[in-house]
Amino acid sequence: MPTIIVEGPPISVEKKRELVKRFTEVASEIYGINHITVLIKENPSENVGINGELLLDFKKKR
């Protein structure tokens, strides 16, 4: 059973539904099977560091 893991910023439940649906459709077509697992791991900007600083702080500079 293929598992797709997506890590990114928090999104709404509606967007999660669409993301899961689309990933599942494409993976099912490519693998030729109907059982695909999608895991969404949300990472708030205070938990992500880029180039030595928190993404939260980087966004504030812009």
N, C-alpha and C. Protein backbone atom coordinates (compact mmCIF):
# COMPACT_ATOMS: atom_id res chain seq x y z
N MET A 1 0.84 -1.17 0.00
CA MET A 1 0.00 0.00 0.00
C MET A 1 0.89 1.24 0.00
N PRO A 2 0.84 2.04 -1.06
CA PRO A 2 1.63 3.26 -1.11
C PRO A 2 1.15 4.29 -0.09
N THR A 3 2.10 4.99 0.50
CA THR A 3 1.79 6.07 1.44
C THR A 3 2.45 7.35 0.94
N ILE A 4 1.67 8.39 0.84
CA ILE A 4 2.18 9.71 0.45
C ILE A 4 2.19 10.57 1.69
N ILE A 5 3.35 11.16 2.01
CA ILE A 5 3.48 12.03 3.17
C ILE A 5 3.74 13.45 2.69
N VAL A 6 2.89 14.37 3.14
CA VAL A 6 3.01 15.77 2.76
C VAL A 6 3.31 16.57 4.01
N GLU A 7 4.37 17.37 3.99
CA GLU A 7 4.68 18.25 5.11
C GLU A 7 4.61 19.68 4.62
N GLY A 8 3.88 20.52 5.34
CA GLY A 8 3.75 21.90 4.93
C GLY A 8 3.04 22.72 5.99
N PRO A 9 2.72 23.95 5.64
CA PRO A 9 2.02 24.81 6.60
C PRO A 9 0.58 24.34 6.80
N PRO A 10 -0.01 24.73 7.91
CA PRO A 10 -1.41 24.37 8.16
C PRO A 10 -2.33 24.90 7.06
N ILE A 11 -3.31 24.08 6.70
CA ILE A 11 -4.33 24.48 5.71
C ILE A 11 -5.70 24.07 6.24
N SER A 12 -6.73 24.59 5.61
CA SER A 12 -8.10 24.30 6.05
C SER A 12 -8.47 22.84 5.75
N VAL A 13 -9.51 22.38 6.40
CA VAL A 13 -10.01 21.02 6.18
C VAL A 13 -10.45 20.86 4.73
N GLU A 14 -11.07 21.89 4.16
CA GLU A 14 -11.51 21.81 2.77
C GLU A 14 -10.33 21.60 1.83
N LYS A 15 -9.23 22.32 2.07
CA LYS A 15 -8.04 22.16 1.24
C LYS A 15 -7.40 20.79 1.45
N LYS A 16 -7.46 20.28 2.67
CA LYS A 16 -6.94 18.93 2.94
C LYS A 16 -7.72 17.89 2.17
N ARG A 17 -9.03 18.04 2.14
CA ARG A 17 -9.87 17.10 1.37
C ARG A 17 -9.47 17.09 -0.10
N GLU A 18 -9.29 18.28 -0.67
CA GLU A 18 -8.91 18.39 -2.08
C GLU A 18 -7.52 17.81 -2.32
N LEU A 19 -6.57 18.09 -1.42
CA LEU A 19 -5.21 17.57 -1.55
C LEU A 19 -5.21 16.04 -1.52
N VAL A 20 -5.91 15.46 -0.56
CA VAL A 20 -5.99 14.00 -0.44
C VAL A 20 -6.65 13.40 -1.68
N LYS A 21 -7.71 14.01 -2.14
CA LYS A 21 -8.41 13.51 -3.32
C LYS A 21 -7.51 13.50 -4.54
N ARG A 22 -6.83 14.61 -4.78
CA ARG A 22 -5.99 14.71 -5.98
C ARG A 22 -4.77 13.79 -5.92
N PHE A 23 -4.08 13.75 -4.77
CA PHE A 23 -2.95 12.84 -4.64
C PHE A 23 -3.39 11.40 -4.86
N THR A 24 -4.53 11.04 -4.28
CA THR A 24 -5.04 9.68 -4.40
C THR A 24 -5.38 9.35 -5.85
N GLU A 25 -6.02 10.27 -6.55
CA GLU A 25 -6.38 10.03 -7.95
C GLU A 25 -5.13 9.76 -8.81
N VAL A 26 -4.13 10.62 -8.67
CA VAL A 26 -2.92 10.47 -9.48
C VAL A 26 -2.15 9.19 -9.11
N ALA A 27 -1.97 8.96 -7.82
CA ALA A 27 -1.21 7.78 -7.39
C ALA A 27 -1.94 6.50 -7.78
N SER A 28 -3.26 6.48 -7.66
CA SER A 28 -4.04 5.29 -8.04
C SER A 28 -3.88 5.00 -9.53
N GLU A 29 -3.90 6.05 -10.33
CA GLU A 29 -3.73 5.88 -11.77
C GLU A 29 -2.33 5.34 -12.11
N ILE A 30 -1.33 5.88 -11.47
CA ILE A 30 0.05 5.46 -11.77
C ILE A 30 0.33 4.05 -11.24
N TYR A 31 -0.07 3.76 -10.01
CA TYR A 31 0.19 2.45 -9.42
C TYR A 31 -0.77 1.38 -9.92
N GLY A 32 -1.93 1.79 -10.40
CA GLY A 32 -2.91 0.83 -10.85
C GLY A 32 -3.62 0.12 -9.71
N ILE A 33 -3.69 0.77 -8.56
CA ILE A 33 -4.40 0.21 -7.41
C ILE A 33 -5.27 1.30 -6.80
N ASN A 34 -6.22 0.89 -5.97
CA ASN A 34 -7.17 1.84 -5.40
C ASN A 34 -6.91 2.18 -3.94
N HIS A 35 -5.93 1.57 -3.32
CA HIS A 35 -5.69 1.82 -1.90
C HIS A 35 -4.44 2.67 -1.72
N ILE A 36 -4.63 3.95 -1.48
CA ILE A 36 -3.53 4.89 -1.27
C ILE A 36 -3.75 5.58 0.07
N THR A 37 -2.70 5.71 0.86
CA THR A 37 -2.77 6.42 2.13
C THR A 37 -2.06 7.76 1.97
N VAL A 38 -2.69 8.82 2.45
CA VAL A 38 -2.09 10.15 2.43
C VAL A 38 -2.01 10.66 3.86
N LEU A 39 -0.81 11.04 4.30
CA LEU A 39 -0.61 11.61 5.63
C LEU A 39 -0.24 13.08 5.47
N ILE A 40 -0.93 13.95 6.16
CA ILE A 40 -0.64 15.38 6.12
C ILE A 40 -0.04 15.77 7.47
N LYS A 41 1.19 16.26 7.42
CA LYS A 41 1.87 16.73 8.63
C LYS A 41 1.98 18.24 8.54
N GLU A 42 1.32 18.92 9.44
CA GLU A 42 1.34 20.38 9.42
C GLU A 42 2.44 20.92 10.31
N ASN A 43 3.14 21.90 9.78
CA ASN A 43 4.25 22.51 10.50
C ASN A 43 4.01 24.02 10.62
N PRO A 44 3.61 24.49 11.80
CA PRO A 44 3.43 25.93 11.97
C PRO A 44 4.76 26.66 11.76
N SER A 45 4.66 27.91 11.34
CA SER A 45 5.88 28.65 10.99
C SER A 45 6.84 28.82 12.16
N GLU A 46 6.35 28.72 13.39
CA GLU A 46 7.28 28.81 14.53
C GLU A 46 8.06 27.52 14.74
N ASN A 47 7.73 26.48 14.00
CA ASN A 47 8.44 25.20 14.11
C ASN A 47 9.32 24.91 12.90
N VAL A 48 9.52 25.90 12.03
CA VAL A 48 10.31 25.70 10.81
C VAL A 48 11.42 26.74 10.78
N GLY A 49 12.65 26.29 10.57
CA GLY A 49 13.79 27.20 10.45
C GLY A 49 14.36 27.17 9.04
N ILE A 50 14.67 28.35 8.50
CA ILE A 50 15.27 28.48 7.19
C ILE A 50 16.45 29.44 7.30
N ASN A 51 17.60 29.01 6.84
CA ASN A 51 18.80 29.85 6.86
C ASN A 51 19.08 30.46 8.24
N GLY A 52 18.91 29.67 9.28
CA GLY A 52 19.26 30.10 10.63
C GLY A 52 18.23 30.91 11.36
N GLU A 53 17.05 31.08 10.81
CA GLU A 53 16.01 31.81 11.53
C GLU A 53 14.66 31.13 11.34
N LEU A 54 13.77 31.38 12.29
CA LEU A 54 12.44 30.80 12.22
C LEU A 54 11.67 31.41 11.05
N LEU A 55 10.89 30.58 10.39
CA LEU A 55 10.08 31.07 9.30
C LEU A 55 9.12 32.16 9.77
N LEU A 56 8.65 32.05 10.99
CA LEU A 56 7.78 33.06 11.59
C LEU A 56 8.45 34.44 11.56
N ASP A 57 9.74 34.51 11.94
CA ASP A 57 10.47 35.77 11.95
C ASP A 57 10.78 36.24 10.54
N PHE A 58 11.08 35.31 9.65
CA PHE A 58 11.37 35.66 8.26
C PHE A 58 10.15 36.32 7.61
N LYS A 59 8.97 35.77 7.87
CA LYS A 59 7.73 36.34 7.31
C LYS A 59 7.48 37.75 7.83
N LYS A 60 7.84 38.02 9.08
CA LYS A 60 7.60 39.35 9.67
C LYS A 60 8.45 40.42 8.99
N LYS A 61 9.62 40.04 8.44
CA LYS A 61 10.52 40.99 7.81
C LYS A 61 9.99 41.47 6.46
N ARG A 62 9.12 40.71 5.87
CA ARG A 62 8.62 41.05 4.53
C ARG A 62 7.50 42.01 4.57
